[in-house]
PDB file of all heavy atoms in Angstrom:
ATOM      1  N   SER A   1       0.828  -1.204   0.000  1.00  0.00           N
ATOM      2  CA  SER A   1       0.000   0.000   0.000  1.00  0.00           C
ATOM      3  C   SER A   1       0.859   1.248   0.000  1.00  0.00           C
ATOM      4  O   SER A   1       2.012   1.227   0.437  1.00  0.00           O
ATOM      5  CB  SER A   1      -0.919   0.017   1.235  1.00  0.00           C
ATOM      6  OG  SER A   1      -1.724  -1.131   1.291  1.00  0.00           O
ATOM      7  N   VAL A   2       0.282   2.335  -0.494  1.00  0.00           N
ATOM      8  CA  VAL A   2       0.952   3.626  -0.469  1.00  0.00           C
ATOM      9  C   VAL A   2      -0.096   4.700  -0.236  1.00  0.00           C
ATOM     10  O   VAL A   2      -1.238   4.588  -0.706  1.00  0.00           O
ATOM     11  CB  VAL A   2       1.723   3.889  -1.785  1.00  0.00           C
ATOM     12  CG1 VAL A   2       0.778   4.005  -2.974  1.00  0.00           C
ATOM     13  CG2 VAL A   2       2.591   5.127  -1.668  1.00  0.00           C
ATOM     14  N   ASP A   3       0.283   5.732   0.509  1.00  0.00           N
ATOM     15  CA  ASP A   3      -0.624   6.846   0.775  1.00  0.00           C
ATOM     16  C   ASP A   3      -0.414   7.956  -0.244  1.00  0.00           C
ATOM     17  O   ASP A   3       0.725   8.406  -0.463  1.00  0.00           O
ATOM     18  CB  ASP A   3      -0.401   7.409   2.173  1.00  0.00           C
ATOM     19  CG  ASP A   3      -0.983   6.537   3.264  1.00  0.00           C
ATOM     20  OD1 ASP A   3      -1.655   5.526   2.940  1.00  0.00           O
ATOM     21  OD2 ASP A   3      -0.772   6.850   4.452  1.00  0.00           O
ATOM     22  N   VAL A   4      -1.502   8.390  -0.853  1.00  0.00           N
ATOM     23  CA  VAL A   4      -1.498   9.577  -1.707  1.00  0.00           C
ATOM     24  C   VAL A   4      -2.218  10.664  -0.918  1.00  0.00           C
ATOM     25  O   VAL A   4      -3.409  10.543  -0.612  1.00  0.00           O
ATOM     26  CB  VAL A   4      -2.214   9.315  -3.049  1.00  0.00           C
ATOM     27  CG1 VAL A   4      -2.232  10.584  -3.893  1.00  0.00           C
ATOM     28  CG2 VAL A   4      -1.542   8.171  -3.803  1.00  0.00           C
ATOM     29  N   VAL A   5      -1.490  11.706  -0.550  1.00  0.00           N
ATOM     30  CA  VAL A   5      -2.033  12.760   0.312  1.00  0.00           C
ATOM     31  C   VAL A   5      -2.497  13.916  -0.566  1.00  0.00           C
ATOM     32  O   VAL A   5      -1.754  14.394  -1.435  1.00  0.00           O
ATOM     33  CB  VAL A   5      -0.987  13.235   1.334  1.00  0.00           C
ATOM     34  CG1 VAL A   5      -1.577  14.280   2.271  1.00  0.00           C
ATOM     35  CG2 VAL A   5      -0.458  12.045   2.138  1.00  0.00           C
ATOM     36  N   VAL A   6      -3.732  14.335  -0.351  1.00  0.00           N
ATOM     37  CA  VAL A   6      -4.381  15.304  -1.238  1.00  0.00           C
ATOM     38  C   VAL A   6      -4.950  16.452  -0.417  1.00  0.00           C
ATOM     39  O   VAL A   6      -5.659  16.225   0.578  1.00  0.00           O
ATOM     40  CB  VAL A   6      -5.519  14.629  -2.042  1.00  0.00           C
ATOM     41  CG1 VAL A   6      -6.087  15.611  -3.074  1.00  0.00           C
ATOM     42  CG2 VAL A   6      -5.031  13.362  -2.741  1.00  0.00           C
ATOM     43  N   ASP A   7      -4.663  17.679  -0.830  1.00  0.00           N
ATOM     44  CA  ASP A   7      -5.296  18.850  -0.228  1.00  0.00           C
ATOM     45  C   ASP A   7      -6.558  19.188  -1.015  1.00  0.00           C
ATOM     46  O   ASP A   7      -6.511  19.362  -2.237  1.00  0.00           O
ATOM     47  CB  ASP A   7      -4.342  20.046  -0.234  1.00  0.00           C
ATOM     48  CG  ASP A   7      -3.292  19.951   0.866  1.00  0.00           C
ATOM     49  OD1 ASP A   7      -3.561  19.315   1.900  1.00  0.00           O
ATOM     50  OD2 ASP A   7      -2.182  20.507   0.678  1.00  0.00           O
ATOM     51  N   VAL A   8      -7.676  19.249  -0.310  1.00  0.00           N
ATOM     52  CA  VAL A   8      -8.970  19.580  -0.903  1.00  0.00           C
ATOM     53  C   VAL A   8      -9.513  20.808  -0.168  1.00  0.00           C
ATOM     54  O   VAL A   8      -8.981  21.197   0.870  1.00  0.00           O
ATOM     55  CB  VAL A   8      -9.946  18.384  -0.812  1.00  0.00           C
ATOM     56  CG1 VAL A   8      -9.312  17.129  -1.412  1.00  0.00           C
ATOM     57  CG2 VAL A   8     -10.371  18.110   0.626  1.00  0.00           C
ATOM     58  N   PRO A   9     -10.564  21.459  -0.654  1.00  0.00           N
ATOM     59  CA  PRO A   9     -11.032  22.678   0.011  1.00  0.00           C
ATOM     60  C   PRO A   9     -11.423  22.502   1.468  1.00  0.00           C
ATOM     61  O   PRO A   9     -11.332  23.451   2.253  1.00  0.00           O
ATOM     62  CB  PRO A   9     -12.230  23.087  -0.849  1.00  0.00           C
ATOM     63  CG  PRO A   9     -11.882  22.592  -2.214  1.00  0.00           C
ATOM     64  CD  PRO A   9     -11.207  21.267  -1.970  1.00  0.00           C
ATOM     65  N   SER A  10     -11.847  21.289   1.864  1.00  0.00           N
ATOM     66  CA  SER A  10     -12.245  21.070   3.258  1.00  0.00           C
ATOM     67  C   SER A  10     -11.091  20.637   4.146  1.00  0.00           C
ATOM     68  O   SER A  10     -11.274  20.482   5.368  1.00  0.00           O
ATOM     69  CB  SER A  10     -13.361  20.026   3.327  1.00  0.00           C
ATOM     70  OG  SER A  10     -12.955  18.814   2.724  1.00  0.00           O
ATOM     71  N   GLY A  11      -9.888  20.441   3.583  1.00  0.00           N
ATOM     72  CA  GLY A  11      -8.752  20.050   4.400  1.00  0.00           C
ATOM     73  C   GLY A  11      -7.850  19.057   3.702  1.00  0.00           C
ATOM     74  O   GLY A  11      -7.878  18.909   2.480  1.00  0.00           O
ATOM     75  N   ARG A  12      -7.038  18.369   4.476  1.00  0.00           N
ATOM     76  CA  ARG A  12      -6.085  17.390   3.945  1.00  0.00           C
ATOM     77  C   ARG A  12      -6.642  15.981   4.143  1.00  0.00           C
ATOM     78  O   ARG A  12      -7.018  15.600   5.252  1.00  0.00           O
ATOM     79  CB  ARG A  12      -4.733  17.529   4.633  1.00  0.00           C
ATOM     80  CG  ARG A  12      -3.674  16.560   4.156  1.00  0.00           C
ATOM     81  CD  ARG A  12      -2.284  17.049   4.519  1.00  0.00           C
ATOM     82  NE  ARG A  12      -1.912  18.209   3.708  1.00  0.00           N
ATOM     83  CZ  ARG A  12      -0.787  18.916   3.859  1.00  0.00           C
ATOM     84  NH1 ARG A  12       0.077  18.588   4.820  1.00  0.00           N
ATOM     85  NH2 ARG A  12      -0.514  19.947   3.080  1.00  0.00           N
ATOM     86  N   VAL A  13      -6.703  15.217   3.048  1.00  0.00           N
ATOM     87  CA  VAL A  13      -7.255  13.866   3.085  1.00  0.00           C
ATOM     88  C   VAL A  13      -6.229  12.909   2.497  1.00  0.00           C
ATOM     89  O   VAL A  13      -5.225  13.322   1.891  1.00  0.00           O
ATOM     90  CB  VAL A  13      -8.590  13.776   2.320  1.00  0.00           C
ATOM     91  CG1 VAL A  13      -9.624  14.728   2.929  1.00  0.00           C
ATOM     92  CG2 VAL A  13      -8.403  14.085   0.835  1.00  0.00           C
ATOM     93  N   THR A  14      -6.506  11.606   2.650  1.00  0.00           N
ATOM     94  CA  THR A  14      -5.585  10.582   2.172  1.00  0.00           C
ATOM     95  C   THR A  14      -6.325   9.564   1.314  1.00  0.00           C
ATOM     96  O   THR A  14      -7.417   9.123   1.675  1.00  0.00           O
ATOM     97  CB  THR A  14      -4.914   9.854   3.352  1.00  0.00           C
ATOM     98  OG1 THR A  14      -4.147  10.798   4.108  1.00  0.00           O
ATOM     99  CG2 THR A  14      -3.995   8.738   2.865  1.00  0.00           C
ATOM    100  N   ALA A  15      -5.716   9.199   0.196  1.00  0.00           N
ATOM    101  CA  ALA A  15      -6.153   8.059  -0.600  1.00  0.00           C
ATOM    102  C   ALA A  15      -5.108   6.967  -0.401  1.00  0.00           C
ATOM    103  O   ALA A  15      -3.981   7.083  -0.907  1.00  0.00           O
ATOM    104  CB  ALA A  15      -6.283   8.429  -2.068  1.00  0.00           C
ATOM    105  N   ARG A  16      -5.463   5.940   0.348  1.00  0.00           N
ATOM    106  CA  ARG A  16      -4.532   4.834   0.609  1.00  0.00           C
ATOM    107  C   ARG A  16      -4.753   3.767  -0.460  1.00  0.00           C
ATOM    108  O   ARG A  16      -5.780   3.100  -0.487  1.00  0.00           O
ATOM    109  CB  ARG A  16      -4.737   4.279   2.019  1.00  0.00           C
ATOM    110  CG  ARG A  16      -3.783   3.152   2.390  1.00  0.00           C
ATOM    111  CD  ARG A  16      -3.763   2.923   3.898  1.00  0.00           C
ATOM    112  NE  ARG A  16      -3.268   4.102   4.594  1.00  0.00           N
ATOM    113  CZ  ARG A  16      -3.939   4.764   5.543  1.00  0.00           C
ATOM    114  NH1 ARG A  16      -5.124   4.341   5.933  1.00  0.00           N
ATOM    115  NH2 ARG A  16      -3.398   5.828   6.122  1.00  0.00           N
ATOM    116  N   VAL A  17      -3.780   3.630  -1.343  1.00  0.00           N
ATOM    117  CA  VAL A  17      -3.924   2.768  -2.514  1.00  0.00           C
ATOM    118  C   VAL A  17      -3.338   1.392  -2.204  1.00  0.00           C
ATOM    119  O   VAL A  17      -2.161   1.274  -1.850  1.00  0.00           O
ATOM    120  CB  VAL A  17      -3.214   3.394  -3.730  1.00  0.00           C
ATOM    121  CG1 VAL A  17      -3.394   2.515  -4.968  1.00  0.00           C
ATOM    122  CG2 VAL A  17      -3.760   4.800  -3.992  1.00  0.00           C
ATOM    123  N   HIS A  18      -4.159   0.367  -2.347  1.00  0.00           N
ATOM    124  CA  HIS A  18      -3.750  -1.008  -2.073  1.00  0.00           C
ATOM    125  C   HIS A  18      -3.459  -1.728  -3.386  1.00  0.00           C
ATOM    126  O   HIS A  18      -4.253  -1.658  -4.338  1.00  0.00           O
ATOM    127  CB  HIS A  18      -4.844  -1.748  -1.309  1.00  0.00           C
ATOM    128  CG  HIS A  18      -5.195  -1.117   0.002  1.00  0.00           C
ATOM    129  ND1 HIS A  18      -4.382  -1.205   1.110  1.00  0.00           N
ATOM    130  CD2 HIS A  18      -6.257  -0.359   0.376  1.00  0.00           C
ATOM    131  CE1 HIS A  18      -4.928  -0.548   2.116  1.00  0.00           C
ATOM    132  NE2 HIS A  18      -6.069  -0.022   1.698  1.00  0.00           N
ATOM    133  N   ARG A  19      -2.316  -2.431  -3.421  1.00  0.00           N
ATOM    134  CA  ARG A  19      -1.840  -3.063  -4.652  1.00  0.00           C
ATOM    135  C   ARG A  19      -1.611  -4.555  -4.438  1.00  0.00           C
ATOM    136  O   ARG A  19      -1.235  -4.992  -3.344  1.00  0.00           O
ATOM    137  CB  ARG A  19      -0.525  -2.419  -5.072  1.00  0.00           C
ATOM    138  CG  ARG A  19      -0.568  -0.888  -5.158  1.00  0.00           C
ATOM    139  CD  ARG A  19      -0.879  -0.438  -6.540  1.00  0.00           C
ATOM    140  NE  ARG A  19       0.238  -0.730  -7.428  1.00  0.00           N
ATOM    141  CZ  ARG A  19       0.164  -0.664  -8.754  1.00  0.00           C
ATOM    142  NH1 ARG A  19      -0.964  -0.332  -9.346  1.00  0.00           N
ATOM    143  NH2 ARG A  19       1.219  -0.943  -9.494  1.00  0.00           N
ATOM    144  N   ALA A  20      -1.832  -5.326  -5.493  1.00  0.00           N
ATOM    145  CA  ALA A  20      -1.559  -6.764  -5.473  1.00  0.00           C
ATOM    146  C   ALA A  20      -1.239  -7.207  -6.897  1.00  0.00           C
ATOM    147  O   ALA A  20      -1.985  -6.895  -7.825  1.00  0.00           O
ATOM    148  CB  ALA A  20      -2.750  -7.551  -4.936  1.00  0.00           C
ATOM    149  N   GLY A  21      -0.110  -7.867  -7.059  1.00  0.00           N
ATOM    150  CA  GLY A  21       0.276  -8.329  -8.381  1.00  0.00           C
ATOM    151  C   GLY A  21       0.459  -7.218  -9.393  1.00  0.00           C
ATOM    152  O   GLY A  21       0.211  -7.399 -10.594  1.00  0.00           O
ATOM    153  N   GLY A  22       0.897  -6.066  -8.916  1.00  0.00           N
ATOM    154  CA  GLY A  22       1.139  -4.942  -9.819  1.00  0.00           C
ATOM    155  C   GLY A  22      -0.109  -4.178 -10.217  1.00  0.00           C
ATOM    156  O   GLY A  22      -0.044  -3.292 -11.073  1.00  0.00           O
ATOM    157  N   ARG A  23      -1.245  -4.466  -9.584  1.00  0.00           N
ATOM    158  CA  ARG A  23      -2.499  -3.787  -9.911  1.00  0.00           C
ATOM    159  C   ARG A  23      -3.079  -3.143  -8.656  1.00  0.00           C
ATOM    160  O   ARG A  23      -2.940  -3.656  -7.545  1.00  0.00           O
ATOM    161  CB  ARG A  23      -3.527  -4.764 -10.480  1.00  0.00           C
ATOM    162  CG  ARG A  23      -3.176  -5.336 -11.836  1.00  0.00           C
ATOM    163  CD  ARG A  23      -4.255  -6.305 -12.309  1.00  0.00           C
ATOM    164  NE  ARG A  23      -5.572  -5.665 -12.348  1.00  0.00           N
ATOM    165  CZ  ARG A  23      -6.014  -4.958 -13.380  1.00  0.00           C
ATOM    166  NH1 ARG A  23      -5.252  -4.802 -14.459  1.00  0.00           N
ATOM    167  NH2 ARG A  23      -7.217  -4.406 -13.355  1.00  0.00           N
ATOM    168  N   THR A  24      -3.760  -2.021  -8.849  1.00  0.00           N
ATOM    169  CA  THR A  24      -4.518  -1.420  -7.763  1.00  0.00           C
ATOM    170  C   THR A  24      -5.798  -2.214  -7.573  1.00  0.00           C
ATOM    171  O   THR A  24      -6.544  -2.451  -8.527  1.00  0.00           O
ATOM    172  CB  THR A  24      -4.846   0.049  -8.079  1.00  0.00           C
ATOM    173  OG1 THR A  24      -3.620   0.791  -8.172  1.00  0.00           O
ATOM    174  CG2 THR A  24      -5.716   0.664  -6.988  1.00  0.00           C
ATOM    175  N   VAL A  25      -6.055  -2.634  -6.328  1.00  0.00           N
ATOM    176  CA  VAL A  25      -7.221  -3.483  -6.067  1.00  0.00           C
ATOM    177  C   VAL A  25      -8.245  -2.802  -5.151  1.00  0.00           C
ATOM    178  O   VAL A  25      -9.399  -3.241  -5.088  1.00  0.00           O
ATOM    179  CB  VAL A  25      -6.792  -4.831  -5.463  1.00  0.00           C
ATOM    180  CG1 VAL A  25      -5.982  -5.637  -6.477  1.00  0.00           C
ATOM    181  CG2 VAL A  25      -5.986  -4.635  -4.175  1.00  0.00           C
ATOM    182  N   ALA A  26      -7.856  -1.746  -4.458  1.00  0.00           N
ATOM    183  CA  ALA A  26      -8.775  -1.016  -3.593  1.00  0.00           C
ATOM    184  C   ALA A  26      -8.115   0.291  -3.177  1.00  0.00           C
ATOM    185  O   ALA A  26      -6.883   0.415  -3.187  1.00  0.00           O
ATOM    186  CB  ALA A  26      -9.155  -1.825  -2.346  1.00  0.00           C
ATOM    187  N   VAL A  27      -8.938   1.267  -2.827  1.00  0.00           N
ATOM    188  CA  VAL A  27      -8.443   2.551  -2.336  1.00  0.00           C
ATOM    189  C   VAL A  27      -9.282   2.957  -1.131  1.00  0.00           C
ATOM    190  O   VAL A  27     -10.523   2.951  -1.190  1.00  0.00           O
ATOM    191  CB  VAL A  27      -8.522   3.651  -3.412  1.00  0.00           C
ATOM    192  CG1 VAL A  27      -7.956   4.971  -2.868  1.00  0.00           C
ATOM    193  CG2 VAL A  27      -7.783   3.245  -4.682  1.00  0.00           C
ATOM    194  N   ASP A  28      -8.587   3.288  -0.026  1.00  0.00           N
ATOM    195  CA  ASP A  28      -9.253   3.843   1.152  1.00  0.00           C
ATOM    196  C   ASP A  28      -9.218   5.366   1.074  1.00  0.00           C
ATOM    197  O   ASP A  28      -8.159   5.953   0.835  1.00  0.00           O
ATOM    198  CB  ASP A  28      -8.541   3.433   2.452  1.00  0.00           C
ATOM    199  CG  ASP A  28      -8.472   1.939   2.658  1.00  0.00           C
ATOM    200  OD1 ASP A  28      -9.373   1.235   2.173  1.00  0.00           O
ATOM    201  OD2 ASP A  28      -7.507   1.487   3.316  1.00  0.00           O
ATOM    202  N   PHE A  29     -10.344   5.984   1.291  1.00  0.00           N
ATOM    203  CA  PHE A  29     -10.442   7.431   1.413  1.00  0.00           C
ATOM    204  C   PHE A  29     -10.551   7.761   2.897  1.00  0.00           C
ATOM    205  O   PHE A  29     -11.545   7.429   3.544  1.00  0.00           O
ATOM    206  CB  PHE A  29     -11.670   7.923   0.633  1.00  0.00           C
ATOM    207  CG  PHE A  29     -12.168   9.298   1.002  1.00  0.00           C
ATOM    208  CD1 PHE A  29     -11.309  10.386   1.045  1.00  0.00           C
ATOM    209  CD2 PHE A  29     -13.514   9.512   1.276  1.00  0.00           C
ATOM    210  CE1 PHE A  29     -11.771  11.654   1.372  1.00  0.00           C
ATOM    211  CE2 PHE A  29     -13.986  10.770   1.597  1.00  0.00           C
ATOM    212  CZ  PHE A  29     -13.121  11.838   1.646  1.00  0.00           C
TER     213      PHE A  29
END
């Protein structure tokens, strides 16, 4: 997994990208 940190108008949020076999399989917001 890797965290993608994003600034949006309401504040700072995270998209936690989960990977398996070289593919993205899920993302936590």
